[in-house]
PDB file of N, CA and C in Angstrom:
ATOM      1  N   MET A   1      12.366 -18.037  19.499  1.00  0.00           N
ATOM      2  CA  MET A   1      12.129 -16.935  18.611  1.00  0.00           C
ATOM      3  C   MET A   1      12.545 -17.346  17.033  1.00  0.00           C
ATOM      4  N   GLU A   2      11.689 -17.157  16.272  1.00  0.00           N
ATOM      5  CA  GLU A   2      11.907 -17.583  14.789  1.00  0.00           C
ATOM      6  C   GLU A   2      11.998 -16.256  13.975  1.00  0.00           C
ATOM      7  N   ILE A   3      12.666 -16.363  13.056  1.00  0.00           N
ATOM      8  CA  ILE A   3      12.873 -15.263  11.859  1.00  0.00           C
ATOM      9  C   ILE A   3      11.917 -15.630  10.713  1.00  0.00           C
ATOM     10  N   ALA A   4      10.929 -14.762  10.459  1.00  0.00           N
ATOM     11  CA  ALA A   4      10.037 -15.118   9.240  1.00  0.00           C
ATOM     12  C   ALA A   4      10.780 -14.581   8.076  1.00  0.00           C
ATOM     13  N   TRP A   5      11.555 -15.469   7.370  1.00  0.00           N
ATOM     14  CA  TRP A   5      12.421 -15.146   6.365  1.00  0.00           C
ATOM     15  C   TRP A   5      11.674 -14.641   4.980  1.00  0.00           C
ATOM     16  N   GLY A   6      10.510 -14.976   4.917  1.00  0.00           N
ATOM     17  CA  GLY A   6       9.670 -14.656   3.689  1.00  0.00           C
ATOM     18  C   GLY A   6       9.231 -13.217   3.907  1.00  0.00           C
ATOM     19  N   THR A   7       8.862 -12.886   4.991  1.00  0.00           N
ATOM     20  CA  THR A   7       8.354 -11.500   5.354  1.00  0.00           C
ATOM     21  C   THR A   7       9.739 -10.659   5.240  1.00  0.00           C
ATOM     22  N   LEU A   8      10.923 -10.954   6.038  1.00  0.00           N
ATOM     23  CA  LEU A   8      12.004 -10.184   5.818  1.00  0.00           C
ATOM     24  C   LEU A   8      12.502  -9.836   4.420  1.00  0.00           C
ATOM     25  N   ALA A   9      12.353 -10.984   3.606  1.00  0.00           N
ATOM     26  CA  ALA A   9      12.699 -10.786   2.067  1.00  0.00           C
ATOM     27  C   ALA A   9      11.917  -9.883   1.452  1.00  0.00           C
ATOM     28  N   ALA A  10      10.484 -10.008   1.662  1.00  0.00           N
ATOM     29  CA  ALA A  10       9.550  -8.895   1.081  1.00  0.00           C
ATOM     30  C   ALA A  10       9.777  -7.612   1.422  1.00  0.00           C
ATOM     31  N   ILE A  11      10.095  -7.436   2.916  1.00  0.00           N
ATOM     32  CA  ILE A  11      10.420  -6.006   3.234  1.00  0.00           C
ATOM     33  C   ILE A  11      11.667  -5.561   2.634  1.00  0.00           C
ATOM     34  N   ALA A  12      12.738  -6.354   2.488  1.00  0.00           N
ATOM     35  CA  ALA A  12      13.899  -5.952   1.888  1.00  0.00           C
ATOM     36  C   ALA A  12      13.754  -5.502   0.331  1.00  0.00           C
ATOM     37  N   VAL A  13      12.853  -6.222  -0.228  1.00  0.00           N
ATOM     38  CA  VAL A  13      12.541  -5.890  -1.722  1.00  0.00           C
ATOM     39  C   VAL A  13      11.762  -4.608  -1.851  1.00  0.00           C
ATOM     40  N   VAL A  14      10.717  -4.337  -0.947  1.00  0.00           N
ATOM     41  CA  VAL A  14      10.009  -3.132  -0.975  1.00  0.00           C
ATOM     42  C   VAL A  14      10.977  -1.980  -0.686  1.00  0.00           C
ATOM     43  N   ALA A  15      11.895  -2.164   0.309  1.00  0.00           N
ATOM     44  CA  ALA A  15      12.791  -0.980   0.782  1.00  0.00           C
ATOM     45  C   ALA A  15      13.685  -0.748  -0.410  1.00  0.00           C
ATOM     46  N   ALA A  16      14.239  -1.801  -1.064  1.00  0.00           N
ATOM     47  CA  ALA A  16      15.149  -1.497  -2.240  1.00  0.00           C
ATOM     48  C   ALA A  16      14.544  -0.783  -3.236  1.00  0.00           C
ATOM     49  N   ALA A  17      13.139  -1.119  -3.671  1.00  0.00           N
ATOM     50  CA  ALA A  17      12.470  -0.576  -4.738  1.00  0.00           C
ATOM     51  C   ALA A  17      11.995   0.742  -4.471  1.00  0.00           C
ATOM     52  N   ALA A  18      11.664   1.066  -3.097  1.00  0.00           N
ATOM     53  CA  ALA A  18      11.385   2.418  -2.761  1.00  0.00           C
ATOM     54  C   ALA A  18      12.713   3.301  -2.895  1.00  0.00           C
ATOM     55  N   ALA A  19      13.786   2.926  -2.439  1.00  0.00           N
ATOM     56  CA  ALA A  19      14.976   3.682  -2.460  1.00  0.00           C
ATOM     57  C   ALA A  19      15.365   4.030  -4.008  1.00  0.00           C
ATOM     58  N   LEU A  20      15.246   2.904  -4.820  1.00  0.00           N
ATOM     59  CA  LEU A  20      15.500   3.110  -6.330  1.00  0.00           C
ATOM     60  C   LEU A  20      14.678   4.096  -6.859  1.00  0.00           C
ATOM     61  N   THR A  21      13.197   4.090  -6.590  1.00  0.00           N
ATOM     62  CA  THR A  21      12.412   5.002  -7.082  1.00  0.00           C
ATOM     63  C   THR A  21      12.703   6.350  -6.676  1.00  0.00           C
ATOM     64  N   VAL A  22      12.996   6.535  -5.372  1.00  0.00           N
ATOM     65  CA  VAL A  22      13.280   7.910  -5.073  1.00  0.00           C
ATOM     66  C   VAL A  22      14.607   8.445  -5.720  1.00  0.00           C
ATOM     67  N   VAL A  23      15.644   7.718  -5.898  1.00  0.00           N
ATOM     68  CA  VAL A  23      16.786   8.143  -6.492  1.00  0.00           C
ATOM     69  C   VAL A  23      16.415   8.442  -7.973  1.00  0.00           C
ATOM     70  N   LEU A  24      15.645   7.653  -8.673  1.00  0.00           N
ATOM     71  CA  LEU A  24      15.346   7.836 -10.192  1.00  0.00           C
ATOM     72  C   LEU A  24      14.414   9.191 -10.248  1.00  0.00           C
ATOM     73  N   LEU A  25      13.686   9.327  -9.214  1.00  0.00           N
ATOM     74  CA  LEU A  25      12.706  10.710  -9.332  1.00  0.00           C
ATOM     75  C   LEU A  25      13.644  11.849  -9.194  1.00  0.00           C
ATOM     76  N   VAL A  26      14.547  11.777  -8.388  1.00  0.00           N
ATOM     77  CA  VAL A  26      15.469  12.970  -8.060  1.00  0.00           C
ATOM     78  C   VAL A  26      16.214  13.133  -9.359  1.00  0.00           C
ATOM     79  N   ALA A  27      16.764  12.012  -9.921  1.00  0.00           N
ATOM     80  CA  ALA A  27      17.553  12.186 -11.179  1.00  0.00           C
ATOM     81  C   ALA A  27      16.693  12.890 -12.222  1.00  0.00           C
ATOM     82  N   PHE A  28      15.531  12.270 -12.400  1.00  0.00           N
ATOM     83  CA  PHE A  28      14.683  12.789 -13.419  1.00  0.00           C
ATOM     84  C   PHE A  28      14.486  14.431 -13.119  1.00  0.00           C
ATOM     85  N   ALA A  29      14.300  14.839 -11.954  1.00  0.00           N
ATOM     86  CA  ALA A  29      14.148  16.201 -11.616  1.00  0.00           C
ATOM     87  C   ALA A  29      15.260  16.949 -11.969  1.00  0.00           C
ATOM     88  N   ILE A  30      16.446  16.430 -11.685  1.00  0.00           N
ATOM     89  CA  ILE A  30      17.646  17.127 -12.196  1.00  0.00           C
ATOM     90  C   ILE A  30      17.855  17.340 -13.580  1.00  0.00           C
ATOM     91  N   VAL A  31      17.425  16.365 -14.371  1.00  0.00           N
ATOM     92  CA  VAL A  31      17.432  16.381 -15.870  1.00  0.00           C
ATOM     93  C   VAL A  31      16.446  17.377 -16.224  1.00  0.00           C
ATOM     94  N   GLY A  32      15.171  17.267 -15.671  1.00  0.00           N
ATOM     95  CA  GLY A  32      14.264  18.172 -15.981  1.00  0.00           C
ATOM     96  C   GLY A  32      14.429  19.651 -15.758  1.00  0.00           C
ATOM     97  N   SER A  33      15.144  19.949 -14.760  1.00  0.00           N
ATOM     98  CA  SER A  33      15.603  21.365 -14.400  1.00  0.00           C
ATOM     99  C   SER A  33      16.613  21.694 -15.170  1.00  0.00           C
ATOM    100  N   SER A  34      17.487  20.845 -15.714  1.00  0.00           N
ATOM    101  CA  SER A  34      18.612  21.349 -16.656  1.00  0.00           C
ATOM    102  C   SER A  34      18.112  21.778 -18.019  1.00  0.00           C
ATOM    103  N   ALA A  35      16.845  21.334 -18.373  1.00  0.00           N
ATOM    104  CA  ALA A  35      16.284  21.813 -19.621  1.00  0.00           C
ATOM    105  C   ALA A  35      15.953  23.242 -19.552  1.00  0.00           C
ATOM    106  N   SER A  36      15.749  23.718 -18.371  1.00  0.00           N
ATOM    107  CA  SER A  36      15.386  25.254 -18.291  1.00  0.00           C
ATOM    108  C   SER A  36      16.597  26.053 -18.233  1.00  0.00           C
ATOM    109  N   SER A  37      17.748  25.560 -18.250  1.00  0.00           N
ATOM    110  CA  SER A  37      18.898  26.283 -18.182  1.00  0.00           C
ATOM    111  C   SER A  37      19.813  26.351 -19.537  1.00  0.00           C
ATOM    112  N   THR A  38      19.292  25.688 -20.491  1.00  0.00           N
ATOM    113  CA  THR A  38      19.936  25.664 -21.758  1.00  0.00           C
ATOM    114  C   THR A  38      19.757  26.871 -22.650  1.00  0.00           C
ATOM    115  N   GLN A  39      20.874  27.402 -23.160  1.00  0.00           N
ATOM    116  CA  GLN A  39      20.761  28.617 -23.957  1.00  0.00           C
ATOM    117  C   GLN A  39      21.473  28.232 -25.183  1.00  0.00           C
ATOM    118  N   ARG A  40      21.300  29.000 -26.228  1.00  0.00           N
ATOM    119  CA  ARG A  40      22.164  28.884 -27.332  1.00  0.00           C
ATOM    120  C   ARG A  40      23.330  29.795 -27.320  1.00  0.00           C
ATOM    121  N   VAL A  41      24.518  29.433 -27.871  1.00  0.00           N
ATOM    122  CA  VAL A  41      25.656  30.278 -27.577  1.00  0.00           C
ATOM    123  C   VAL A  41      25.646  31.606 -28.375  1.00  0.00           C
ATOM    124  N   ASP A  42      24.943  31.733 -29.493  1.00  0.00           N
ATOM    125  CA  ASP A  42      24.859  32.904 -30.216  1.00  0.00           C
ATOM    126  C   ASP A  42      23.682  33.826 -29.754  1.00  0.00           C
ATOM    127  N   GLY A  43      22.967  33.358 -28.687  1.00  0.00           N
ATOM    128  CA  GLY A  43      22.037  34.108 -28.026  1.00  0.00           C
ATOM    129  C   GLY A  43      20.696  34.177 -28.635  1.00  0.00           C
ATOM    130  N   ALA A  44      20.501  33.337 -29.795  1.00  0.00           N
ATOM    131  CA  ALA A  44      19.269  33.310 -30.568  1.00  0.00           C
ATOM    132  C   ALA A  44      18.327  32.485 -29.628  1.00  0.00           C
ATOM    133  N   ASP A  45      17.092  32.701 -29.680  1.00  0.00           N
ATOM    134  CA  ASP A  45      16.012  31.714 -29.001  1.00  0.00           C
ATOM    135  C   ASP A  45      15.077  31.287 -30.093  1.00  0.00           C
ATOM    136  N   ASP A  46      15.050  29.967 -30.091  1.00  0.00           N
ATOM    137  CA  ASP A  46      14.200  29.246 -31.196  1.00  0.00           C
ATOM    138  C   ASP A  46      12.844  29.284 -30.545  1.00  0.00           C
ATOM    139  N   GLY A  47      11.812  28.912 -31.374  1.00  0.00           N
ATOM    140  CA  GLY A  47      10.478  28.936 -30.949  1.00  0.00           C
ATOM    141  C   GLY A  47       9.964  28.014 -29.809  1.00  0.00           C
ATOM    142  N   GLY A  48      10.570  27.035 -29.747  1.00  0.00           N
ATOM    143  CA  GLY A  48      10.068  25.937 -28.702  1.00  0.00           C
ATOM    144  C   GLY A  48      10.790  26.067 -27.384  1.00  0.00           C
ATOM    145  N   ALA A  49      11.834  27.008 -27.249  1.00  0.00           N
ATOM    146  CA  ALA A  49      12.625  27.076 -26.016  1.00  0.00           C
ATOM    147  C   ALA A  49      11.666  27.349 -24.865  1.00  0.00           C
ATOM    148  N   LEU A  50      10.710  28.239 -24.912  1.00  0.00           N
ATOM    149  CA  LEU A  50       9.939  28.549 -23.799  1.00  0.00           C
ATOM    150  C   LEU A  50       9.105  27.287 -23.402  1.00  0.00           C
ATOM    151  N   GLY A  51       8.468  26.523 -24.336  1.00  0.00           N
ATOM    152  CA  GLY A  51       7.782  25.259 -23.965  1.00  0.00           C
ATOM    153  C   GLY A  51       8.749  24.199 -23.339  1.00  0.00           C
ATOM    154  N   ARG A  52       9.984  24.235 -23.733  1.00  0.00           N
ATOM    155  CA  ARG A  52      10.848  23.193 -23.115  1.00  0.00           C
ATOM    156  C   ARG A  52      11.249  23.562 -21.787  1.00  0.00           C
ATOM    157  N   ARG A  53      11.285  24.920 -21.607  1.00  0.00           N
ATOM    158  CA  ARG A  53      11.645  25.392 -20.176  1.00  0.00           C
ATOM    159  C   ARG A  53      10.630  25.102 -19.279  1.00  0.00           C
ATOM    160  N   PHE A  54       9.311  25.323 -19.719  1.00  0.00           N
ATOM    161  CA  PHE A  54       8.190  25.115 -18.895  1.00  0.00           C
ATOM    162  C   PHE A  54       8.008  23.706 -18.627  1.00  0.00           C
ATOM    163  N   THR A  55       8.136  22.954 -19.590  1.00  0.00           N
ATOM    164  CA  THR A  55       7.863  21.377 -19.397  1.00  0.00           C
ATOM    165  C   THR A  55       9.009  20.776 -18.540  1.00  0.00           C
ATOM    166  N   GLY A  56      10.209  21.288 -18.810  1.00  0.00           N
ATOM    167  CA  GLY A  56      11.355  20.872 -17.781  1.00  0.00           C
ATOM    168  C   GLY A  56      11.025  21.060 -16.464  1.00  0.00           C
ATOM    169  N   THR A  57      10.648  22.255 -16.187  1.00  0.00           N
ATOM    170  CA  THR A  57      10.409  22.684 -14.644  1.00  0.00           C
ATOM    171  C   THR A  57       9.130  22.007 -14.302  1.00  0.00           C
ATOM    172  N   ALA A  58       8.208  21.715 -14.986  1.00  0.00           N
ATOM    173  CA  ALA A  58       7.059  21.054 -14.437  1.00  0.00           C
ATOM    174  C   ALA A  58       7.382  19.571 -14.130  1.00  0.00           C
ATOM    175  N   VAL A  59       8.236  18.841 -15.029  1.00  0.00           N
ATOM    176  CA  VAL A  59       8.710  17.601 -14.770  1.00  0.00           C
ATOM    177  C   VAL A  59       9.490  17.526 -13.424  1.00  0.00           C
ATOM    178  N   ALA A  60      10.422  18.555 -13.340  1.00  0.00           N
ATOM    179  CA  ALA A  60      11.279  18.684 -12.218  1.00  0.00           C
ATOM    180  C   ALA A  60      10.346  18.723 -10.735  1.00  0.00           C
ATOM    181  N   VAL A  61       9.396  19.468 -10.934  1.00  0.00           N
ATOM    182  CA  VAL A  61       8.443  19.791  -9.754  1.00  0.00           C
ATOM    183  C   VAL A  61       7.686  18.619  -9.448  1.00  0.00           C
ATOM    184  N   LEU A  62       7.080  17.933 -10.470  1.00  0.00           N
ATOM    185  CA  LEU A  62       6.429  16.754 -10.134  1.00  0.00           C
ATOM    186  C   LEU A  62       7.076  15.595  -9.670  1.00  0.00           C
ATOM    187  N   CYS A  63       8.327  15.447 -10.207  1.00  0.00           N
ATOM    188  CA  CYS A  63       9.323  14.373  -9.717  1.00  0.00           C
ATOM    189  C   CYS A  63       9.704  14.709  -8.204  1.00  0.00           C
ATOM    190  N   LEU A  64      10.051  15.876  -7.813  1.00  0.00           N
ATOM    191  CA  LEU A  64      10.507  16.014  -6.520  1.00  0.00           C
ATOM    192  C   LEU A  64       9.206  15.986  -5.570  1.00  0.00           C
ATOM    193  N   LEU A  65       8.093  16.256  -5.984  1.00  0.00           N
ATOM    194  CA  LEU A  65       6.895  16.230  -5.216  1.00  0.00           C
ATOM    195  C   LEU A  65       6.600  14.718  -5.038  1.00  0.00           C
ATOM    196  N   ALA A  66       6.779  13.865  -5.941  1.00  0.00           N
ATOM    197  CA  ALA A  66       6.636  12.486  -5.756  1.00  0.00           C
ATOM    198  C   ALA A  66       7.584  11.872  -4.867  1.00  0.00           C
ATOM    199  N   ALA A  67       8.775  12.238  -5.042  1.00  0.00           N
ATOM    200  CA  ALA A  67       9.888  11.785  -4.200  1.00  0.00           C
ATOM    201  C   ALA A  67       9.574  12.080  -2.638  1.00  0.00           C
ATOM    202  N   GLY A  68       9.195  13.416  -2.495  1.00  0.00           N
ATOM    203  CA  GLY A  68       8.935  13.967  -1.177  1.00  0.00           C
ATOM    204  C   GLY A  68       7.765  13.150  -0.501  1.00  0.00           C
ATOM    205  N   LEU A  69       6.805  12.825  -1.425  1.00  0.00           N
ATOM    206  CA  LEU A  69       5.576  12.019  -0.823  1.00  0.00           C
ATOM    207  C   LEU A  69       5.900  10.651  -0.482  1.00  0.00           C
ATOM    208  N   ILE A  70       6.922  10.028  -1.151  1.00  0.00           N
ATOM    209  CA  ILE A  70       7.216   8.663  -0.888  1.00  0.00           C
ATOM    210  C   ILE A  70       8.049   8.677   0.441  1.00  0.00           C
ATOM    211  N   VAL A  71       8.953   9.692   0.531  1.00  0.00           N
ATOM    212  CA  VAL A  71       9.770   9.811   1.786  1.00  0.00           C
ATOM    213  C   VAL A  71       8.807  10.062   3.090  1.00  0.00           C
ATOM    214  N   CYS A  72       7.885  10.971   2.815  1.00  0.00           N
ATOM    215  CA  CYS A  72       6.931  11.195   3.918  1.00  0.00           C
ATOM    216  C   CYS A  72       6.081  10.070   4.290  1.00  0.00           C
ATOM    217  N   TYR A  73       5.670   9.393   3.407  1.00  0.00           N
ATOM    218  CA  TYR A  73       4.850   8.112   3.561  1.00  0.00           C
ATOM    219  C   TYR A  73       5.593   7.118   4.292  1.00  0.00           C
ATOM    220  N   SER A  74       7.022   6.926   3.941  1.00  0.00           N
ATOM    221  CA  SER A  74       7.911   5.990   4.608  1.00  0.00           C
ATOM    222  C   SER A  74       8.162   6.319   6.000  1.00  0.00           C
ATOM    223  N   LEU A  75       8.384   7.636   6.158  1.00  0.00           N
ATOM    224  CA  LEU A  75       8.586   8.121   7.567  1.00  0.00           C
ATOM    225  C   LEU A  75       7.126   7.849   8.424  1.00  0.00           C
ATOM    226  N   TYR A  76       6.042   8.012   7.965  1.00  0.00           N
ATOM    227  CA  TYR A  76       4.862   7.851   8.604  1.00  0.00           C
ATOM    228  C   TYR A  76       4.734   6.391   8.824  1.00  0.00           C
ATOM    229  N   LEU A  77       5.119   5.388   8.165  1.00  0.00           N
ATOM    230  CA  LEU A  77       5.112   4.057   8.445  1.00  0.00           C
ATOM    231  C   LEU A  77       6.080   3.552   9.507  1.00  0.00           C
ATOM    232  N   ILE A  78       7.308   4.204   9.427  1.00  0.00           N
ATOM    233  CA  ILE A  78       8.260   3.994  10.584  1.00  0.00           C
ATOM    234  C   ILE A  78       7.851   4.474  11.849  1.00  0.00           C
ATOM    235  N   ILE A  79       7.049   5.709  11.818  1.00  0.00           N
ATOM    236  CA  ILE A  79       6.780   6.340  13.209  1.00  0.00           C
ATOM    237  C   ILE A  79       5.529   5.861  13.699  1.00  0.00           C
ATOM    238  N   ALA A  80       4.454   5.421  12.847  1.00  0.00           N
ATOM    239  CA  ALA A  80       3.222   5.041  13.520  1.00  0.00           C
ATOM    240  C   ALA A  80       3.220   3.551  13.614  1.00  0.00           C
TER     241      ALA A  80
END
């Protein structure tokens, strides 16, 4: 029985890259969702606040969706 070291190294690199990608996408989702919770202390609302809230929420949703798809595809590869 021989170990294919090249294949093992390739799998390790892909697994590390996928894990890093999922972590970064979740981090970007947290940052994006925090944009929707910012308010001014004096209660005044500037003109671009609604656009920033919508954009932040959209970024958060897209990042979480992408992370979920990566996880689901990884589980598919493991199970199938």
